[in-house]
Amino acid sequence: MRVGTQVEGGETVLVVEDESLILALTQSILEHHGYQVHAFDNPTAALAWAESFTGEIDLLITDVVMPEMNGRELQQRIEARHPAARCLFMSGYTADIMALRGVESGGIHFIHKPFSVASLVRKVRDILD
């Protein structure tokens, strides 16, 4: 499903999601809309890549609840190396669980799983613009 040219992008997006189907789907959607996507199924591998990546990471899209470290901790560690990186958290959990994981609603970009193609690409474009 093509949403439209207004949501197209060429920015670099780092996607971190421990559910392989959601990771593959998110990567495919974003690549289809012109983004340069680097996808990882665990935060440790993503962090290692980000620490050695010399380009700009425009957007981090990360699950909130993952093994090894939560999305908020990953965001903070990515931002230490790439301070201009914006972040979109995604989760199927409720707001109270997310607050326990350090992701409160104020000023945080969030998309609830499952999400549609249109909602994902619009949200990404809104954050990057």
C-alpha atoms as a PDB file:
ATOM      1  CA  MET A   1       0.000   0.000   0.000  1.00  0.00           C
ATOM      2  CA  ARG A   2       1.515   3.285  -1.096  1.00  0.00           C
ATOM      3  CA  VAL A   3       0.406   6.127   1.138  1.00  0.00           C
ATOM      4  CA  GLY A   4       1.603   9.082  -0.903  1.00  0.00           C
ATOM      5  CA  THR A   5       4.610  11.176  -1.765  1.00  0.00           C
ATOM      6  CA  GLN A   6       4.169  13.507   1.212  1.00  0.00           C
ATOM      7  CA  VAL A   7       5.356  10.711   3.522  1.00  0.00           C
ATOM      8  CA  GLU A   8       8.392   9.682   1.477  1.00  0.00           C
ATOM      9  CA  GLY A   9      11.812  10.095   3.012  1.00  0.00           C
ATOM     10  CA  GLY A  10      15.490   9.443   2.529  1.00  0.00           C
ATOM     11  CA  GLU A  11      16.596   9.719   6.129  1.00  0.00           C
ATOM     12  CA  THR A  12      18.479   7.070   8.090  1.00  0.00           C
ATOM     13  CA  VAL A  13      16.275   5.092  10.462  1.00  0.00           C
ATOM     14  CA  LEU A  14      17.454   2.605  13.076  1.00  0.00           C
ATOM     15  CA  VAL A  15      14.758   0.058  13.975  1.00  0.00           C
ATOM     16  CA  VAL A  16      15.111  -2.155  17.055  1.00  0.00           C
ATOM     17  CA  GLU A  17      12.406  -4.752  17.699  1.00  0.00           C
ATOM     18  CA  ASP A  18      12.759  -8.208  19.234  1.00  0.00           C
ATOM     19  CA  GLU A  19       9.712  -9.634  17.427  1.00  0.00           C
ATOM     20  CA  SER A  20      11.062 -10.723  14.033  1.00  0.00           C
ATOM     21  CA  LEU A  21       7.787 -10.332  12.126  1.00  0.00           C
ATOM     22  CA  ILE A  22       7.252  -6.769  13.334  1.00  0.00           C
ATOM     23  CA  LEU A  23      10.914  -5.944  12.667  1.00  0.00           C
ATOM     24  CA  ALA A  24      10.734  -7.246   9.083  1.00  0.00           C
ATOM     25  CA  LEU A  25       7.406  -5.520   8.423  1.00  0.00           C
ATOM     26  CA  THR A  26       8.593  -2.178   9.795  1.00  0.00           C
ATOM     27  CA  GLN A  27      11.818  -2.377   7.791  1.00  0.00           C
ATOM     28  CA  SER A  28       9.944  -3.257   4.604  1.00  0.00           C
ATOM     29  CA  ILE A  29       7.408  -0.441   5.010  1.00  0.00           C
ATOM     30  CA  LEU A  30      10.067   2.182   5.629  1.00  0.00           C
ATOM     31  CA  GLU A  31      12.358   1.005   2.824  1.00  0.00           C
ATOM     32  CA  HIS A  32       9.373   1.019   0.462  1.00  0.00           C
ATOM     33  CA  HIS A  33       8.898   4.683   1.361  1.00  0.00           C
ATOM     34  CA  GLY A  34      12.518   5.604   0.644  1.00  0.00           C
ATOM     35  CA  TYR A  35      14.138   5.476   4.074  1.00  0.00           C
ATOM     36  CA  GLN A  36      17.601   4.011   4.674  1.00  0.00           C
ATOM     37  CA  VAL A  37      16.811   1.389   7.314  1.00  0.00           C
ATOM     38  CA  HIS A  38      19.175  -0.456   9.649  1.00  0.00           C
ATOM     39  CA  ALA A  39      17.221  -3.120  11.545  1.00  0.00           C
ATOM     40  CA  PHE A  40      18.242  -5.131  14.600  1.00  0.00           C
ATOM     41  CA  ASP A  41      16.422  -7.718  16.682  1.00  0.00           C
ATOM     42  CA  ASN A  42      18.212  -6.841  19.910  1.00  0.00           C
ATOM     43  CA  PRO A  43      19.359  -3.613  21.542  1.00  0.00           C
ATOM     44  CA  THR A  44      22.931  -4.754  22.176  1.00  0.00           C
ATOM     45  CA  ALA A  45      23.612  -5.326  18.466  1.00  0.00           C
ATOM     46  CA  ALA A  46      21.894  -2.042  17.574  1.00  0.00           C
ATOM     47  CA  LEU A  47      23.969  -0.154  20.104  1.00  0.00           C
ATOM     48  CA  ALA A  48      27.216  -1.700  18.849  1.00  0.00           C
ATOM     49  CA  TRP A  49      26.309  -0.707  15.287  1.00  0.00           C
ATOM     50  CA  ALA A  50      25.299   2.834  16.315  1.00  0.00           C
ATOM     51  CA  GLU A  51      28.531   3.372  18.226  1.00  0.00           C
ATOM     52  CA  SER A  52      30.583   2.594  15.117  1.00  0.00           C
ATOM     53  CA  PHE A  53      28.265   4.297  12.590  1.00  0.00           C
ATOM     54  CA  THR A  54      29.812   7.564  11.425  1.00  0.00           C
ATOM     55  CA  GLY A  55      26.765   8.901   9.595  1.00  0.00           C
ATOM     56  CA  GLU A  56      23.700  10.570  11.046  1.00  0.00           C
ATOM     57  CA  ILE A  57      20.900   8.545  12.605  1.00  0.00           C
ATOM     58  CA  ASP A  58      17.813  10.635  11.974  1.00  0.00           C
ATOM     59  CA  LEU A  59      15.337   8.426  13.806  1.00  0.00           C
ATOM     60  CA  LEU A  60      15.429   5.537  16.244  1.00  0.00           C
ATOM     61  CA  ILE A  61      12.298   3.385  16.262  1.00  0.00           C
ATOM     62  CA  THR A  62      12.403   1.039  19.206  1.00  0.00           C
ATOM     63  CA  ASP A  63      10.186  -1.334  21.089  1.00  0.00           C
ATOM     64  CA  VAL A  64       9.726  -0.331  24.716  1.00  0.00           C
ATOM     65  CA  VAL A  65       9.991  -3.790  26.295  1.00  0.00           C
ATOM     66  CA  MET A  66      12.911  -5.941  25.119  1.00  0.00           C
ATOM     67  CA  PRO A  67      15.395  -8.358  26.664  1.00  0.00           C
ATOM     68  CA  GLU A  68      18.766  -6.908  27.712  1.00  0.00           C
ATOM     69  CA  MET A  69      17.601  -3.277  27.996  1.00  0.00           C
ATOM     70  CA  ASN A  70      14.389  -1.336  27.561  1.00  0.00           C
ATOM     71  CA  GLY A  71      13.732   1.124  24.771  1.00  0.00           C
ATOM     72  CA  ARG A  72      14.213   4.184  26.970  1.00  0.00           C
ATOM     73  CA  GLU A  73      17.700   3.071  28.031  1.00  0.00           C
ATOM     74  CA  LEU A  74      18.554   2.295  24.403  1.00  0.00           C
ATOM     75  CA  GLN A  75      17.366   5.750  23.351  1.00  0.00           C
ATOM     76  CA  GLN A  76      19.523   7.443  25.976  1.00  0.00           C
ATOM     77  CA  ARG A  77      22.589   5.470  24.944  1.00  0.00           C
ATOM     78  CA  ILE A  78      22.015   6.126  21.216  1.00  0.00           C
ATOM     79  CA  GLU A  79      21.516   9.850  21.881  1.00  0.00           C
ATOM     80  CA  ALA A  80      24.847   9.993  23.734  1.00  0.00           C
ATOM     81  CA  ARG A  81      26.584   9.125  20.446  1.00  0.00           C
ATOM     82  CA  HIS A  82      24.012  10.635  18.043  1.00  0.00           C
ATOM     83  CA  PRO A  83      22.458  13.628  19.847  1.00  0.00           C
ATOM     84  CA  ALA A  84      20.347  14.727  16.871  1.00  0.00           C
ATOM     85  CA  ALA A  85      18.559  11.369  16.636  1.00  0.00           C
ATOM     86  CA  ARG A  86      14.846  11.550  17.300  1.00  0.00           C
ATOM     87  CA  CYS A  87      12.960   8.599  18.749  1.00  0.00           C
ATOM     88  CA  LEU A  88       9.668   6.805  18.161  1.00  0.00           C
ATOM     89  CA  PHE A  89       8.717   4.238  20.782  1.00  0.00           C
ATOM     90  CA  MET A  90       6.400   1.380  19.866  1.00  0.00           C
ATOM     91  CA  SER A  91       4.627  -1.066  22.128  1.00  0.00           C
ATOM     92  CA  GLY A  92       1.585  -3.231  22.494  1.00  0.00           C
ATOM     93  CA  TYR A  93       1.571  -2.605  26.235  1.00  0.00           C
ATOM     94  CA  THR A  94      -0.682  -0.212  28.116  1.00  0.00           C
ATOM     95  CA  ALA A  95       0.382   3.236  29.317  1.00  0.00           C
ATOM     96  CA  ASP A  96       0.906   2.127  32.927  1.00  0.00           C
ATOM     97  CA  ILE A  97       3.352  -0.612  31.883  1.00  0.00           C
ATOM     98  CA  MET A  98       5.180   1.872  29.680  1.00  0.00           C
ATOM     99  CA  ALA A  99       5.498   4.363  32.538  1.00  0.00           C
ATOM    100  CA  LEU A 100       7.160   1.622  34.571  1.00  0.00           C
ATOM    101  CA  ARG A 101       9.641   1.184  31.705  1.00  0.00           C
ATOM    102  CA  GLY A 102      10.526   4.887  31.719  1.00  0.00           C
ATOM    103  CA  VAL A 103       8.367   5.989  28.796  1.00  0.00           C
ATOM    104  CA  GLU A 104       5.881   8.592  29.954  1.00  0.00           C
ATOM    105  CA  SER A 105       3.522  10.251  27.501  1.00  0.00           C
ATOM    106  CA  GLY A 106       4.666  13.879  27.825  1.00  0.00           C
ATOM    107  CA  GLY A 107       6.848  14.866  24.871  1.00  0.00           C
ATOM    108  CA  ILE A 108       7.411  11.255  23.827  1.00  0.00           C
ATOM    109  CA  HIS A 109       6.617  10.040  20.320  1.00  0.00           C
ATOM    110  CA  PHE A 110       4.736   6.765  20.501  1.00  0.00           C
ATOM    111  CA  ILE A 111       2.894   4.353  18.204  1.00  0.00           C
ATOM    112  CA  HIS A 112       0.784   1.503  19.525  1.00  0.00           C
ATOM    113  CA  LYS A 113       1.240  -1.997  18.046  1.00  0.00           C
ATOM    114  CA  PRO A 114      -0.331  -3.217  15.895  1.00  0.00           C
ATOM    115  CA  PHE A 115      -0.115  -0.202  13.597  1.00  0.00           C
ATOM    116  CA  SER A 116      -1.139   0.362   9.989  1.00  0.00           C
ATOM    117  CA  VAL A 117       1.207   1.232   7.137  1.00  0.00           C
ATOM    118  CA  ALA A 118      -0.385   4.670   6.880  1.00  0.00           C
ATOM    119  CA  SER A 119      -0.095   5.439  10.590  1.00  0.00           C
ATOM    120  CA  LEU A 120       3.567   4.377  10.710  1.00  0.00           C
ATOM    121  CA  VAL A 121       4.725   6.393   7.704  1.00  0.00           C
ATOM    122  CA  ARG A 122       2.746   9.469   8.764  1.00  0.00           C
ATOM    123  CA  LYS A 123       4.114   9.289  12.302  1.00  0.00           C
ATOM    124  CA  VAL A 124       7.693   8.915  11.031  1.00  0.00           C
ATOM    125  CA  ARG A 125       7.303  11.824   8.630  1.00  0.00           C
ATOM    126  CA  ASP A 126       5.723  14.020  11.328  1.00  0.00           C
ATOM    127  CA  ILE A 127       8.625  13.351  13.705  1.00  0.00           C
ATOM    128  CA  LEU A 128      11.281  14.008  11.070  1.00  0.00           C
ATOM    129  CA  ASP A 129       9.639  17.195   9.816  1.00  0.00           C
END
